[in-house]
Amino acid sequence: MLDVDPDQPSSLPNGFNLKQNYPNPFNPETSIRFTLATGGHTVLEVYNVTGRKAATLVDGFLPAREHTVTWDGCDDNKQPLASGVYFYRLDAGDQRASRKMVLLR
């Protein structure tokens, strides 16, 4: 299940930061935390090792603060993805960061 927690308490952002997902490796779901220093259009996507997009977790405006997104290991069509290494990439304004994660089924 994909979920951006709108009730997460606000905190003063301490810059742009993409944290390592937890747990990693994961099954059946993992949490991805990131901080935005300024609000704006934000995209968080998951890619497989060949660079093909597997899922879009966020694509829209997010305010400046820390955010947590929960990912269930499924693609955009709600189909479970295979075990393996995946990369998640955060794009917010002119800032970009990515990290690696492992899905174990």
N, C-alpha and C. Protein backbone atom coordinates (compact mmCIF):
# COMPACT_ATOMS: atom_id res chain seq x y z
N MET A 1 0.85 -1.18 0.00
CA MET A 1 0.00 0.00 0.00
C MET A 1 0.88 1.24 0.00
N LEU A 2 0.57 2.17 -0.85
CA LEU A 2 1.31 3.42 -0.91
C LEU A 2 0.58 4.43 -0.05
N ASP A 3 1.35 5.15 0.76
CA ASP A 3 0.70 6.08 1.68
C ASP A 3 1.66 7.18 2.06
N VAL A 4 1.28 8.42 1.80
CA VAL A 4 2.00 9.57 2.33
C VAL A 4 1.21 10.00 3.55
N ASP A 5 1.84 10.03 4.70
CA ASP A 5 1.15 10.30 5.96
C ASP A 5 0.89 11.80 6.12
N PRO A 6 -0.37 12.25 5.88
CA PRO A 6 -0.67 13.68 5.99
C PRO A 6 -0.74 14.17 7.43
N ASP A 7 -0.86 13.26 8.40
CA ASP A 7 -0.99 13.63 9.80
C ASP A 7 0.34 13.61 10.55
N GLN A 8 1.42 13.34 9.82
CA GLN A 8 2.74 13.33 10.45
C GLN A 8 3.02 14.72 11.00
N PRO A 9 3.51 14.81 12.24
CA PRO A 9 3.74 16.13 12.82
C PRO A 9 4.78 16.92 12.03
N SER A 10 4.55 18.22 11.94
CA SER A 10 5.48 19.09 11.23
C SER A 10 6.74 19.29 12.06
N SER A 11 7.83 19.45 11.37
CA SER A 11 9.08 19.80 12.02
C SER A 11 9.82 20.74 11.08
N LEU A 12 10.70 21.54 11.62
CA LEU A 12 11.46 22.45 10.78
C LEU A 12 12.40 21.65 9.89
N PRO A 13 12.32 21.85 8.59
CA PRO A 13 13.20 21.09 7.70
C PRO A 13 14.65 21.50 7.87
N ASN A 14 15.51 20.51 7.80
CA ASN A 14 16.94 20.73 7.96
C ASN A 14 17.64 20.47 6.62
N GLY A 15 17.05 20.96 5.53
CA GLY A 15 17.62 20.75 4.21
C GLY A 15 16.98 19.58 3.49
N PHE A 16 17.45 19.34 2.29
CA PHE A 16 16.98 18.24 1.46
C PHE A 16 17.71 16.98 1.88
N ASN A 17 16.98 15.89 2.14
CA ASN A 17 17.62 14.66 2.60
C ASN A 17 16.74 13.47 2.26
N LEU A 18 17.32 12.48 1.61
CA LEU A 18 16.65 11.21 1.34
C LEU A 18 17.32 10.15 2.19
N LYS A 19 16.56 9.55 3.09
CA LYS A 19 17.12 8.57 4.01
C LYS A 19 17.00 7.16 3.44
N GLN A 20 17.78 6.24 4.03
CA GLN A 20 17.71 4.84 3.62
C GLN A 20 16.38 4.26 4.07
N ASN A 21 15.76 3.48 3.19
CA ASN A 21 14.49 2.85 3.55
C ASN A 21 14.68 1.90 4.74
N TYR A 22 13.58 1.66 5.45
CA TYR A 22 13.64 0.76 6.60
C TYR A 22 12.35 -0.05 6.66
N PRO A 23 12.40 -1.33 6.85
CA PRO A 23 13.62 -2.15 6.88
C PRO A 23 14.18 -2.36 5.47
N ASN A 24 15.42 -2.75 5.43
CA ASN A 24 16.09 -3.05 4.18
C ASN A 24 17.11 -4.16 4.43
N PRO A 25 16.94 -5.34 3.87
CA PRO A 25 15.92 -5.80 2.94
C PRO A 25 14.53 -5.79 3.58
N PHE A 26 13.49 -5.84 2.72
CA PHE A 26 12.13 -5.77 3.25
C PHE A 26 11.21 -6.79 2.60
N ASN A 27 10.16 -7.11 3.34
CA ASN A 27 9.04 -7.93 2.90
C ASN A 27 8.02 -7.90 4.03
N PRO A 28 6.84 -7.45 3.90
CA PRO A 28 6.16 -7.11 2.66
C PRO A 28 6.19 -5.63 2.33
N GLU A 29 6.60 -4.74 3.26
CA GLU A 29 6.61 -3.32 2.96
C GLU A 29 7.80 -2.63 3.61
N THR A 30 8.07 -1.42 3.14
CA THR A 30 9.17 -0.63 3.66
C THR A 30 8.75 0.83 3.73
N SER A 31 9.44 1.59 4.56
CA SER A 31 9.17 3.03 4.70
C SER A 31 10.34 3.82 4.15
N ILE A 32 10.02 4.85 3.40
CA ILE A 32 11.03 5.74 2.82
C ILE A 32 10.78 7.12 3.42
N ARG A 33 11.80 7.67 4.09
CA ARG A 33 11.68 8.99 4.71
C ARG A 33 12.56 9.98 3.95
N PHE A 34 12.03 11.19 3.82
CA PHE A 34 12.80 12.24 3.17
C PHE A 34 12.36 13.59 3.72
N THR A 35 13.27 14.55 3.62
CA THR A 35 13.01 15.90 4.09
C THR A 35 13.13 16.86 2.92
N LEU A 36 12.16 17.76 2.83
CA LEU A 36 12.19 18.81 1.82
C LEU A 36 12.40 20.15 2.51
N ALA A 37 13.38 20.91 2.07
CA ALA A 37 13.67 22.22 2.65
C ALA A 37 12.66 23.26 2.18
N THR A 38 12.14 23.06 0.98
CA THR A 38 11.11 23.96 0.44
C THR A 38 10.02 23.11 -0.18
N GLY A 39 8.80 23.61 -0.13
CA GLY A 39 7.69 22.90 -0.74
C GLY A 39 7.74 23.03 -2.25
N GLY A 40 7.15 22.07 -2.93
CA GLY A 40 7.10 22.13 -4.38
C GLY A 40 6.74 20.78 -4.97
N HIS A 41 6.77 20.73 -6.29
CA HIS A 41 6.46 19.48 -6.98
C HIS A 41 7.53 18.45 -6.66
N THR A 42 7.10 17.28 -6.23
CA THR A 42 8.01 16.23 -5.78
C THR A 42 7.63 14.92 -6.46
N VAL A 43 8.66 14.19 -6.90
CA VAL A 43 8.45 12.89 -7.53
C VAL A 43 9.34 11.88 -6.83
N LEU A 44 8.74 10.77 -6.40
CA LEU A 44 9.48 9.66 -5.79
C LEU A 44 9.11 8.42 -6.59
N GLU A 45 10.11 7.83 -7.26
CA GLU A 45 9.87 6.68 -8.12
C GLU A 45 10.82 5.55 -7.76
N VAL A 46 10.39 4.33 -8.11
CA VAL A 46 11.18 3.12 -7.89
C VAL A 46 11.55 2.55 -9.25
N TYR A 47 12.82 2.14 -9.39
CA TYR A 47 13.34 1.58 -10.63
C TYR A 47 13.96 0.22 -10.37
N ASN A 48 13.90 -0.67 -11.36
CA ASN A 48 14.60 -1.95 -11.23
C ASN A 48 16.05 -1.78 -11.66
N VAL A 49 16.82 -2.84 -11.61
CA VAL A 49 18.26 -2.72 -11.89
C VAL A 49 18.57 -2.40 -13.35
N THR A 50 17.60 -2.61 -14.24
CA THR A 50 17.83 -2.25 -15.65
C THR A 50 17.46 -0.81 -15.94
N GLY A 51 16.96 -0.08 -14.92
CA GLY A 51 16.60 1.31 -15.09
C GLY A 51 15.17 1.54 -15.51
N ARG A 52 14.39 0.47 -15.56
CA ARG A 52 12.97 0.59 -15.93
C ARG A 52 12.16 0.98 -14.70
N LYS A 53 11.27 1.97 -14.88
CA LYS A 53 10.45 2.42 -13.76
C LYS A 53 9.50 1.30 -13.33
N ALA A 54 9.49 1.02 -12.03
CA ALA A 54 8.64 -0.02 -11.48
C ALA A 54 7.40 0.55 -10.80
N ALA A 55 7.54 1.73 -10.17
CA ALA A 55 6.41 2.32 -9.45
C ALA A 55 6.65 3.81 -9.22
N THR A 56 5.56 4.56 -9.22
CA THR A 56 5.58 5.96 -8.83
C THR A 56 4.90 6.06 -7.48
N LEU A 57 5.64 6.51 -6.48
CA LEU A 57 5.11 6.59 -5.11
C LEU A 57 4.55 7.97 -4.79
N VAL A 58 5.16 9.01 -5.33
CA VAL A 58 4.70 10.38 -5.13
C VAL A 58 4.88 11.13 -6.44
N ASP A 59 3.89 11.91 -6.82
CA ASP A 59 3.99 12.80 -7.97
C ASP A 59 3.02 13.95 -7.75
N GLY A 60 3.50 14.98 -7.05
CA GLY A 60 2.64 16.11 -6.76
C GLY A 60 3.31 17.07 -5.80
N PHE A 61 2.55 18.06 -5.37
CA PHE A 61 3.07 19.08 -4.46
C PHE A 61 3.17 18.51 -3.04
N LEU A 62 4.32 18.73 -2.40
CA LEU A 62 4.50 18.40 -0.98
C LEU A 62 5.07 19.63 -0.28
N PRO A 63 4.64 19.87 0.95
CA PRO A 63 5.18 21.01 1.70
C PRO A 63 6.57 20.72 2.25
N ALA A 64 7.24 21.77 2.68
CA ALA A 64 8.58 21.64 3.29
C ALA A 64 8.42 21.02 4.68
N ARG A 65 8.96 19.83 4.87
CA ARG A 65 8.98 19.12 6.16
C ARG A 65 9.46 17.71 5.90
N GLU A 66 9.49 16.88 6.92
CA GLU A 66 9.85 15.47 6.75
C GLU A 66 8.61 14.70 6.33
N HIS A 67 8.80 13.78 5.39
CA HIS A 67 7.71 12.95 4.87
C HIS A 67 8.10 11.48 4.99
N THR A 68 7.09 10.63 5.13
CA THR A 68 7.29 9.19 5.13
C THR A 68 6.32 8.57 4.14
N VAL A 69 6.86 7.75 3.25
CA VAL A 69 6.05 7.03 2.27
C VAL A 69 6.24 5.54 2.53
N THR A 70 5.15 4.81 2.58
CA THR A 70 5.21 3.36 2.75
C THR A 70 4.97 2.72 1.39
N TRP A 71 5.86 1.77 1.04
CA TRP A 71 5.74 1.07 -0.23
C TRP A 71 5.57 -0.42 0.01
N ASP A 72 4.62 -1.01 -0.69
CA ASP A 72 4.27 -2.42 -0.50
C ASP A 72 4.94 -3.37 -1.48
N GLY A 73 5.90 -2.91 -2.26
CA GLY A 73 6.61 -3.79 -3.19
C GLY A 73 5.82 -4.13 -4.44
N CYS A 74 4.79 -3.35 -4.73
CA CYS A 74 3.98 -3.57 -5.93
C CYS A 74 4.24 -2.48 -6.96
N ASP A 75 3.94 -2.81 -8.21
CA ASP A 75 4.08 -1.81 -9.27
C ASP A 75 2.85 -0.90 -9.30
N ASP A 76 2.79 -0.02 -10.29
CA ASP A 76 1.68 0.93 -10.39
C ASP A 76 0.33 0.25 -10.65
N ASN A 77 0.38 -1.00 -11.12
CA ASN A 77 -0.85 -1.77 -11.37
C ASN A 77 -1.20 -2.70 -10.22
N LYS A 78 -0.56 -2.47 -9.06
CA LYS A 78 -0.79 -3.26 -7.84
C LYS A 78 -0.35 -4.72 -7.97
N GLN A 79 0.56 -4.98 -8.92
CA GLN A 79 1.11 -6.32 -9.08
C GLN A 79 2.40 -6.44 -8.28
N PRO A 80 2.55 -7.51 -7.49
CA PRO A 80 3.77 -7.68 -6.70
C PRO A 80 5.00 -7.81 -7.60
N LEU A 81 6.05 -7.11 -7.22
CA LEU A 81 7.31 -7.19 -7.96
C LEU A 81 8.13 -8.37 -7.45
N ALA A 82 9.03 -8.84 -8.28
CA ALA A 82 9.89 -9.96 -7.92
C ALA A 82 10.96 -9.53 -6.93
N SER A 83 11.50 -10.50 -6.22
CA SER A 83 12.63 -10.24 -5.33
C SER A 83 13.77 -9.65 -6.15
N GLY A 84 14.52 -8.76 -5.52
CA GLY A 84 15.66 -8.19 -6.22
C GLY A 84 16.05 -6.84 -5.67
N VAL A 85 17.01 -6.24 -6.36
CA VAL A 85 17.52 -4.92 -5.99
C VAL A 85 16.72 -3.88 -6.77
N TYR A 86 16.30 -2.84 -6.06
CA TYR A 86 15.57 -1.72 -6.66
C TYR A 86 16.21 -0.42 -6.21
N PHE A 87 16.00 0.62 -6.97
CA PHE A 87 16.50 1.94 -6.64
C PHE A 87 15.31 2.88 -6.51
N TYR A 88 15.35 3.75 -5.52
CA TYR A 88 14.32 4.77 -5.42
C TYR A 88 14.97 6.12 -5.59
N ARG A 89 14.28 6.99 -6.35
CA ARG A 89 14.83 8.30 -6.70
C ARG A 89 13.83 9.39 -6.32
N LEU A 90 14.34 10.41 -5.65
CA LEU A 90 13.55 11.55 -5.23
C LEU A 90 13.98 12.76 -6.03
N ASP A 91 13.02 13.41 -6.70
CA ASP A 91 13.26 14.66 -7.43
C ASP A 91 12.37 15.73 -6.82
N ALA A 92 12.98 16.81 -6.35
CA ALA A 92 12.23 17.92 -5.77
C ALA A 92 12.90 19.22 -6.22
N GLY A 93 12.24 19.92 -7.13
CA GLY A 93 12.85 21.13 -7.67
C GLY A 93 14.11 20.77 -8.43
N ASP A 94 15.21 21.43 -8.08
CA ASP A 94 16.48 21.15 -8.75
C ASP A 94 17.34 20.16 -7.96
N GLN A 95 16.74 19.50 -6.98
CA GLN A 95 17.50 18.55 -6.16
C GLN A 95 17.05 17.13 -6.47
N ARG A 96 18.03 16.21 -6.45
CA ARG A 96 17.77 14.81 -6.77
C ARG A 96 18.65 13.94 -5.90
N ALA A 97 18.10 12.82 -5.45
CA ALA A 97 18.87 11.84 -4.68
C ALA A 97 18.30 10.46 -4.94
N SER A 98 19.13 9.44 -4.81
CA SER A 98 18.65 8.07 -4.98
C SER A 98 19.37 7.15 -4.00
N ARG A 99 18.71 6.02 -3.73
CA ARG A 99 19.25 5.00 -2.84
C ARG A 99 18.84 3.64 -3.35
N LYS A 100 19.52 2.61 -2.83
CA LYS A 100 19.28 1.23 -3.23
C LYS A 100 18.53 0.51 -2.12
N MET A 101 17.63 -0.42 -2.49
CA MET A 101 16.93 -1.24 -1.53
C MET A 101 16.77 -2.65 -2.09
N VAL A 102 16.47 -3.59 -1.20
CA VAL A 102 16.35 -5.00 -1.59
C VAL A 102 15.00 -5.53 -1.15
N LEU A 103 14.26 -6.07 -2.10
CA LEU A 103 12.97 -6.72 -1.84
C LEU A 103 13.19 -8.22 -1.81
N LEU A 104 12.78 -8.86 -0.72
CA LEU A 104 12.89 -10.32 -0.60
C LEU A 104 11.49 -10.90 -0.45
N ARG A 105 11.09 -11.70 -1.39
CA ARG A 105 9.76 -12.34 -1.34
C ARG A 105 9.88 -13.71 -0.72
